[in-house]
Amino acid sequence: MNVEPASIGDLPRIQEAYAEGRRRQLECGTLVWPEFSDASLIAEVRARKLFRVMDNDVMMGTFSVAYEDPAVWGERERGAHVYLHRIARSPSGTSRGLLPAVIEWACAHSRDLQREGIRLDTAAASRQLVAYYEQAGFVVMGRHVIGPDPALPAHYHGTEVALFEMTFPTSNV
């Protein structure tokens, strides 16, 4: 699998992946993403913060990145990580290999930027996802209830999230 910046032409497939994510969230009874506007996704494409995961010519999934996340991480935010958001698999794809491909890319990207590691969050009520991220090598750094914040969509307000981090040793070269 290969991680690449998303393009505006990818929007229909990205919207399908997010629709699939919302469907799965509803099935699990956890926080459900709102529909993301094309305008907001185009802004992420232009900022080179929205990515697609490809397996040959098939888009397997999508995700976005941030380089700080004070709205979710609060006082734990240090500007030292790459943050992964909205990891979603395409309805036509399989989840097998998607997260490892995202993690591998994010770790390399984080090292390129001389960051300490990668972080992500998920609804704490999603026990299956919490266990999945732990099995993938993330460490639970705590839980946080998100208060009203104009930097975040309203669906996050009042949600308890589990905070995850994956760090790697820095070289002493």
Foldseek 3Di string as FASTA:
>chain_A
DDKDQDDLVCVVQQQQQLVVVQVVCVVLVFQGDDRDDSVVVNVQSVVSFKMFDDDVPDTFWIWGWDQWDCQFCPPNTDSQAIEIGDTTTGPPHDCVPSVVNVQVVRQVVSVVVVGFWYKYKDQPSRPVVVVVVVVVPWDFPAKDQGDDDPVDPPSSHRTIMTMTTHGDDDDPD
